C-alpha atoms as a PDB file:
ATOM      1  CA  UNK A   1     -14.387   3.207  10.977  1.00  0.00           C
ATOM      2  CA  UNK A   2     -16.914   2.509   8.689  1.00  0.00           C
ATOM      3  CA  UNK A   3     -16.872  -0.322   5.678  1.00  0.00           C
ATOM      4  CA  UNK A   4     -15.987   2.870   2.849  1.00  0.00           C
ATOM      5  CA  UNK A   5     -13.353   4.546   5.108  1.00  0.00           C
ATOM      6  CA  UNK A   6     -11.480   1.111   5.502  1.00  0.00           C
ATOM      7  CA  UNK A   7     -12.024  -0.334   1.677  1.00  0.00           C
ATOM      8  CA  UNK A   8     -10.362   3.525   0.705  1.00  0.00           C
ATOM      9  CA  UNK A   9      -7.839   3.306   2.882  1.00  0.00           C
ATOM     10  CA  UNK A  10      -6.786  -0.555   1.625  1.00  0.00           C
ATOM     11  CA  UNK A  11      -6.882   0.767  -2.013  1.00  0.00           C
ATOM     12  CA  UNK A  12      -4.661   3.280  -0.685  1.00  0.00           C
ATOM     13  CA  UNK A  13      -1.658   1.215   0.614  1.00  0.00           C
ATOM     14  CA  UNK A  14      -2.293  -1.497  -2.261  1.00  0.00           C
ATOM     15  CA  UNK A  15      -1.295   1.162  -4.508  1.00  0.00           C
ATOM     16  CA  UNK A  16       2.670   0.647  -4.048  1.00  0.00           C
ATOM     17  CA  UNK A  17       1.571  -3.270  -4.278  1.00  0.00           C
ATOM     18  CA  UNK A  18      -0.004  -2.811  -7.475  1.00  0.00           C
ATOM     19  CA  UNK A  19       2.524  -0.581  -8.955  1.00  0.00           C
ATOM     20  CA  UNK A  20       4.993  -3.478  -7.998  1.00  0.00           C
ATOM     21  CA  UNK A  21       2.577  -5.905  -9.588  1.00  0.00           C
ATOM     22  CA  UNK A  22       2.860  -4.122 -12.914  1.00  0.00           C
ATOM     23  CA  UNK A  23       6.357  -4.570 -12.746  1.00  0.00           C
ATOM     24  CA  UNK A  24       6.383  -8.267 -11.984  1.00  0.00           C
ATOM     25  CA  UNK A  25       4.014  -9.174 -14.473  1.00  0.00           C
ATOM     26  CA  UNK A  26       6.263  -7.323 -17.487  1.00  0.00           C
ATOM     27  CA  UNK A  27       9.050  -9.637 -16.259  1.00  0.00           C
ATOM     28  CA  UNK A  28       6.812 -12.426 -16.453  1.00  0.00           C
ATOM     29  CA  UNK A  29       7.020 -14.247 -20.279  1.00  0.00           C
ATOM     30  CA  UNK A  30       4.039 -16.166 -19.557  1.00  0.00           C
ATOM     31  CA  UNK A  31       1.427 -15.357 -16.519  1.00  0.00           C
ATOM     32  CA  UNK A  32       0.307 -17.823 -14.845  1.00  0.00           C
ATOM     33  CA  UNK A  33      -2.965 -18.114 -12.154  1.00  0.00           C
ATOM     34  CA  UNK A  34       0.058 -19.721  -9.215  1.00  0.00           C
ATOM     35  CA  UNK A  35       2.670 -17.018 -10.123  1.00  0.00           C
ATOM     36  CA  UNK A  36       0.063 -14.105  -9.707  1.00  0.00           C
ATOM     37  CA  UNK A  37      -1.284 -15.821  -6.710  1.00  0.00           C
ATOM     38  CA  UNK A  38       1.927 -16.102  -5.266  1.00  0.00           C
ATOM     39  CA  UNK A  39       2.847 -12.464  -6.114  1.00  0.00           C
ATOM     40  CA  UNK A  40      -0.613 -11.619  -4.600  1.00  0.00           C
ATOM     41  CA  UNK A  41       0.322 -14.111  -1.222  1.00  0.00           C
ATOM     42  CA  UNK A  42       3.504 -12.068  -0.922  1.00  0.00           C
ATOM     43  CA  UNK A  43       2.059  -8.390  -1.070  1.00  0.00           C
ATOM     44  CA  UNK A  44      -1.609  -9.101   0.540  1.00  0.00           C
ATOM     45  CA  UNK A  45       0.566 -10.979   3.658  1.00  0.00           C
ATOM     46  CA  UNK A  46       2.601  -8.310   4.497  1.00  0.00           C
ATOM     47  CA  UNK A  47      -0.121  -5.197   4.003  1.00  0.00           C
ATOM     48  CA  UNK A  48      -1.803  -7.503   6.780  1.00  0.00           C
ATOM     49  CA  UNK A  49       1.355  -8.001   9.031  1.00  0.00           C
ATOM     50  CA  UNK A  50       2.083  -4.819   9.040  1.00  0.00           C
ATOM     51  CA  UNK A  51      -0.195  -2.816  10.217  1.00  0.00           C
ATOM     52  CA  UNK A  52      -1.241  -5.519  12.816  1.00  0.00           C
ATOM     53  CA  UNK A  53       2.025  -4.833  14.091  1.00  0.00           C
ATOM     54  CA  UNK A  54       1.573  -0.953  14.048  1.00  0.00           C
ATOM     55  CA  UNK A  55      -1.516  -1.203  15.847  1.00  0.00           C
ATOM     56  CA  UNK A  56       0.337  -3.322  18.715  1.00  0.00           C
ATOM     57  CA  UNK A  57       3.384  -0.789  18.662  1.00  0.00           C
ATOM     58  CA  UNK A  58       0.652   2.375  18.914  1.00  0.00           C
ATOM     59  CA  UNK A  59      -1.168   0.403  21.845  1.00  0.00           C
ATOM     60  CA  UNK A  60       1.254   0.794  24.195  1.00  0.00           C
ATOM     61  CA  UNK A  61       1.444   4.773  23.978  1.00  0.00           C
ATOM     62  CA  UNK A  62      -2.340   5.222  23.501  1.00  0.00           C
ATOM     63  CA  UNK A  63      -3.104   6.435  27.121  1.00  0.00           C
ATOM     64  CA  UNK A  64      -0.237   8.968  26.176  1.00  0.00           C
ATOM     65  CA  UNK A  65      -1.377  10.933  23.611  1.00  0.00           C
ATOM     66  CA  UNK A  66      -5.293  10.418  22.599  1.00  0.00           C
ATOM     67  CA  UNK A  67      -5.613  14.291  22.545  1.00  0.00           C
ATOM     68  CA  UNK A  68      -3.340  14.543  19.644  1.00  0.00           C
ATOM     69  CA  UNK A  69      -4.213  10.730  18.219  1.00  0.00           C
ATOM     70  CA  UNK A  70      -6.218  12.934  15.017  1.00  0.00           C
ATOM     71  CA  UNK A  71      -3.416  15.279  14.226  1.00  0.00           C
ATOM     72  CA  UNK A  72      -1.114  12.227  14.467  1.00  0.00           C
ATOM     73  CA  UNK A  73      -3.217  10.399  11.914  1.00  0.00           C
ATOM     74  CA  UNK A  74      -3.676  13.060  10.013  1.00  0.00           C
ATOM     75  CA  UNK A  75       0.805  13.931   9.482  1.00  0.00           C
ATOM     76  CA  UNK A  76       1.316  10.385   9.065  1.00  0.00           C
ATOM     77  CA  UNK A  77      -1.198   9.475   6.445  1.00  0.00           C
ATOM     78  CA  UNK A  78      -0.661  13.217   4.972  1.00  0.00           C
ATOM     79  CA  UNK A  79       3.497  12.154   4.568  1.00  0.00           C
ATOM     80  CA  UNK A  80       3.384   8.370   2.873  1.00  0.00           C
ATOM     81  CA  UNK A  81       0.713  10.093   0.654  1.00  0.00           C
ATOM     82  CA  UNK A  82       2.977  12.793  -0.405  1.00  0.00           C
ATOM     83  CA  UNK A  83       5.832  10.500  -0.401  1.00  0.00           C
ATOM     84  CA  UNK A  84       3.883   8.055  -2.506  1.00  0.00           C
ATOM     85  CA  UNK A  85       2.594  10.938  -5.340  1.00  0.00           C
ATOM     86  CA  UNK A  86       6.536  12.453  -5.377  1.00  0.00           C
ATOM     87  CA  UNK A  87       7.867   9.007  -6.510  1.00  0.00           C
ATOM     88  CA  UNK A  88       4.903   8.574  -8.813  1.00  0.00           C
ATOM     89  CA  UNK A  89       5.508  12.309 -10.154  1.00  0.00           C
ATOM     90  CA  UNK A  90       9.580  11.496 -10.083  1.00  0.00           C
ATOM     91  CA  UNK A  91       9.447   8.342 -11.976  1.00  0.00           C
ATOM     92  CA  UNK A  92       8.122   9.648 -15.597  1.00  0.00           C
ATOM     93  CA  UNK A  93      11.702   9.724 -17.284  1.00  0.00           C
ATOM     94  CA  UNK A  94      12.568   6.784 -15.814  1.00  0.00           C
ATOM     95  CA  UNK A  95       9.460   4.952 -17.423  1.00  0.00           C
ATOM     96  CA  UNK A  96       9.756   7.492 -19.941  1.00  0.00           C
ATOM     97  CA  UNK A  97      13.213   5.150 -21.351  1.00  0.00           C
ATOM     98  CA  UNK A  98      11.637   1.752 -20.314  1.00  0.00           C
ATOM     99  CA  UNK A  99      13.196   1.290 -17.123  1.00  0.00           C
ATOM    100  CA  UNK A 100      11.602  -1.006 -14.553  1.00  0.00           C
ATOM    101  CA  UNK A 101      14.168  -1.280 -11.580  1.00  0.00           C
ATOM    102  CA  UNK A 102      12.196  -4.040  -9.985  1.00  0.00           C
ATOM    103  CA  UNK A 103      12.621  -6.323 -12.644  1.00  0.00           C
ATOM    104  CA  UNK A 104      15.283  -5.581 -14.649  1.00  0.00           C
ATOM    105  CA  UNK A 105      17.171  -8.789 -13.962  1.00  0.00           C
ATOM    106  CA  UNK A 106      16.286 -11.428 -16.468  1.00  0.00           C
ATOM    107  CA  UNK A 107      16.230 -13.986 -13.939  1.00  0.00           C
ATOM    108  CA  UNK A 108      12.716 -15.488 -11.874  1.00  0.00           C
ATOM    109  CA  UNK A 109      11.299 -12.476 -11.141  1.00  0.00           C
ATOM    110  CA  UNK A 110       9.303 -14.811  -7.753  1.00  0.00           C
ATOM    111  CA  UNK A 111      12.794 -15.252  -6.570  1.00  0.00           C
ATOM    112  CA  UNK A 112      12.132 -15.710  -2.421  1.00  0.00           C
ATOM    113  CA  UNK A 113      14.502 -13.372  -1.229  1.00  0.00           C
ATOM    114  CA  UNK A 114      13.534 -10.548  -3.455  1.00  0.00           C
ATOM    115  CA  UNK A 115      10.325 -10.942  -3.253  1.00  0.00           C
ATOM    116  CA  UNK A 116      10.509 -10.850   0.435  1.00  0.00           C
ATOM    117  CA  UNK A 117      12.617  -7.166   0.167  1.00  0.00           C
ATOM    118  CA  UNK A 118       9.674  -5.867  -2.186  1.00  0.00           C
ATOM    119  CA  UNK A 119       6.891  -7.291   0.417  1.00  0.00           C
ATOM    120  CA  UNK A 120       8.405  -5.471   3.050  1.00  0.00           C
ATOM    121  CA  UNK A 121       9.214  -2.086   1.236  1.00  0.00           C
ATOM    122  CA  UNK A 122       5.963  -1.511  -0.503  1.00  0.00           C
ATOM    123  CA  UNK A 123       3.961  -2.181   2.999  1.00  0.00           C
ATOM    124  CA  UNK A 124       5.987  -0.449   5.774  1.00  0.00           C
ATOM    125  CA  UNK A 125       3.049   2.753   4.451  1.00  0.00           C
ATOM    126  CA  UNK A 126       1.025   0.391   6.654  1.00  0.00           C
ATOM    127  CA  UNK A 127       3.261  -0.233   9.183  1.00  0.00           C
ATOM    128  CA  UNK A 128       2.430   3.790  10.141  1.00  0.00           C
ATOM    129  CA  UNK A 129      -0.986   3.410   9.485  1.00  0.00           C
ATOM    130  CA  UNK A 130      -1.512   0.253  11.806  1.00  0.00           C
ATOM    131  CA  UNK A 131       0.048   3.141  14.446  1.00  0.00           C
ATOM    132  CA  UNK A 132      -2.760   5.374  13.764  1.00  0.00           C
ATOM    133  CA  UNK A 133      -5.209   2.452  14.081  1.00  0.00           C
ATOM    134  CA  UNK A 134      -4.522   2.017  17.867  1.00  0.00           C
ATOM    135  CA  UNK A 135      -5.509   5.941  18.045  1.00  0.00           C
ATOM    136  CA  UNK A 136      -9.053   4.930  16.221  1.00  0.00           C
ATOM    137  CA  UNK A 137     -12.479   2.543  16.829  1.00  0.00           C
ATOM    138  CA  UNK A 138     -10.825   0.551  14.658  1.00  0.00           C
ATOM    139  CA  UNK A 139     -11.539  -3.882  14.589  1.00  0.00           C
ATOM    140  CA  UNK A 140      -8.164  -4.131  13.920  1.00  0.00           C
ATOM    141  CA  UNK A 141      -8.501  -8.082  12.691  1.00  0.00           C
ATOM    142  CA  UNK A 142     -10.947  -7.254  10.400  1.00  0.00           C
ATOM    143  CA  UNK A 143      -9.165  -4.144   9.338  1.00  0.00           C
ATOM    144  CA  UNK A 144      -5.794  -5.647   8.775  1.00  0.00           C
ATOM    145  CA  UNK A 145      -7.513  -8.462   6.433  1.00  0.00           C
ATOM    146  CA  UNK A 146      -9.827  -6.839   4.559  1.00  0.00           C
ATOM    147  CA  UNK A 147      -6.406  -4.682   3.442  1.00  0.00           C
ATOM    148  CA  UNK A 148      -4.511  -7.808   3.102  1.00  0.00           C
ATOM    149  CA  UNK A 149      -7.367  -9.048   0.635  1.00  0.00           C
ATOM    150  CA  UNK A 150      -7.434  -6.451  -0.800  1.00  0.00           C
ATOM    151  CA  UNK A 151      -3.935  -6.409  -1.827  1.00  0.00           C
ATOM    152  CA  UNK A 152      -4.321  -9.667  -2.947  1.00  0.00           C
ATOM    153  CA  UNK A 153      -6.886  -9.004  -5.111  1.00  0.00           C
ATOM    154  CA  UNK A 154      -5.033  -5.610  -6.854  1.00  0.00           C
ATOM    155  CA  UNK A 155      -1.473  -7.027  -6.878  1.00  0.00           C
ATOM    156  CA  UNK A 156      -2.978 -10.146  -9.147  1.00  0.00           C
ATOM    157  CA  UNK A 157      -4.560  -7.506 -11.413  1.00  0.00           C
ATOM    158  CA  UNK A 158      -1.387  -5.921 -11.211  1.00  0.00           C
ATOM    159  CA  UNK A 159       0.678  -8.520 -12.453  1.00  0.00           C
ATOM    160  CA  UNK A 160      -2.184  -9.062 -15.630  1.00  0.00           C
ATOM    161  CA  UNK A 161      -1.775  -5.730 -16.540  1.00  0.00           C
ATOM    162  CA  UNK A 162       1.694  -5.483 -15.998  1.00  0.00           C
ATOM    163  CA  UNK A 163       2.567  -8.752 -18.437  1.00  0.00           C
ATOM    164  CA  UNK A 164      -0.711  -6.640 -21.447  1.00  0.00           C
ATOM    165  CA  UNK A 165      -0.004  -3.049 -20.930  1.00  0.00           C
ATOM    166  CA  UNK A 166       3.686  -2.455 -19.426  1.00  0.00           C
ATOM    167  CA  UNK A 167       4.475  -0.005 -16.923  1.00  0.00           C
ATOM    168  CA  UNK A 168       2.085   2.401 -18.302  1.00  0.00           C
ATOM    169  CA  UNK A 169      -0.171   2.622 -15.473  1.00  0.00           C
ATOM    170  CA  UNK A 170       2.365   2.080 -12.631  1.00  0.00           C
ATOM    171  CA  UNK A 171       2.640   5.711 -11.368  1.00  0.00           C
ATOM    172  CA  UNK A 172      -0.906   6.630 -12.382  1.00  0.00           C
ATOM    173  CA  UNK A 173      -1.527   4.170  -9.346  1.00  0.00           C
ATOM    174  CA  UNK A 174       0.520   5.268  -6.885  1.00  0.00           C
ATOM    175  CA  UNK A 175      -0.393   9.058  -7.789  1.00  0.00           C
ATOM    176  CA  UNK A 176      -3.387   7.972  -6.881  1.00  0.00           C
ATOM    177  CA  UNK A 177      -2.453   5.663  -3.808  1.00  0.00           C
ATOM    178  CA  UNK A 178      -0.673   9.165  -2.655  1.00  0.00           C
ATOM    179  CA  UNK A 179      -3.558  11.406  -3.072  1.00  0.00           C
ATOM    180  CA  UNK A 180      -6.361   9.044  -1.230  1.00  0.00           C
ATOM    181  CA  UNK A 181      -4.069   8.815   1.654  1.00  0.00           C
ATOM    182  CA  UNK A 182      -4.103  12.523   1.875  1.00  0.00           C
ATOM    183  CA  UNK A 183      -7.696  12.844   2.080  1.00  0.00           C
ATOM    184  CA  UNK A 184      -7.995   9.917   4.392  1.00  0.00           C
ATOM    185  CA  UNK A 185      -6.149  12.269   6.295  1.00  0.00           C
ATOM    186  CA  UNK A 186      -8.076  15.446   6.309  1.00  0.00           C
ATOM    187  CA  UNK A 187     -11.212  12.977   6.787  1.00  0.00           C
ATOM    188  CA  UNK A 188      -9.905  11.855  10.520  1.00  0.00           C
ATOM    189  CA  UNK A 189      -8.889  15.542  11.176  1.00  0.00           C
ATOM    190  CA  UNK A 190     -11.867  17.141   9.994  1.00  0.00           C
ATOM    191  CA  UNK A 191     -13.921  13.871  11.653  1.00  0.00           C
ATOM    192  CA  UNK A 192     -12.363  14.817  15.411  1.00  0.00           C
ATOM    193  CA  UNK A 193     -12.278  18.330  15.311  1.00  0.00           C
ATOM    194  CA  UNK A 194     -16.068  18.160  14.557  1.00  0.00           C
ATOM    195  CA  UNK A 195     -16.005  20.439  11.362  1.00  0.00           C
ATOM    196  CA  UNK A 196     -18.372  17.802   9.539  1.00  0.00           C
END
């Protein structure tokens, strides 16, 4: 997997975390570099961990399904992308009402239990992508590090965006992430079928 494809994948995967980070920024009266870094570490850490777990699970089955690996990557990335687009389009009504359910509580927006649940929820897609890594030519350690760092940076930026602009860009980020993942799935399929 070339660097541009990996970067595009990392950005696509990090859009859920970016969207939730916007909500976290919205919930903070005053943001600091430390608070933004905490959000970035939670989301970036799990976005790196989940594809690693998925990769090791996928390696268990690699020999049995190498003839259809490109179809598996295409289907998984397509389903994840479609789900992200569906969620993004379904949140328009919610956002018109000013709602951001992730941060409606007036309590500490960085509570460990809440951050853990959000970090897992936003990185489930990365687990499925990690399974596809087992079938592709991917240097897993550099790939998961790259995904983690990208998500860390975008999550920190999301906190700032949320604090300054509110939830205006939340669904747009998820929509863009879904489109990116679908396009990557198509690219993998087309390359393996020798169409380009």
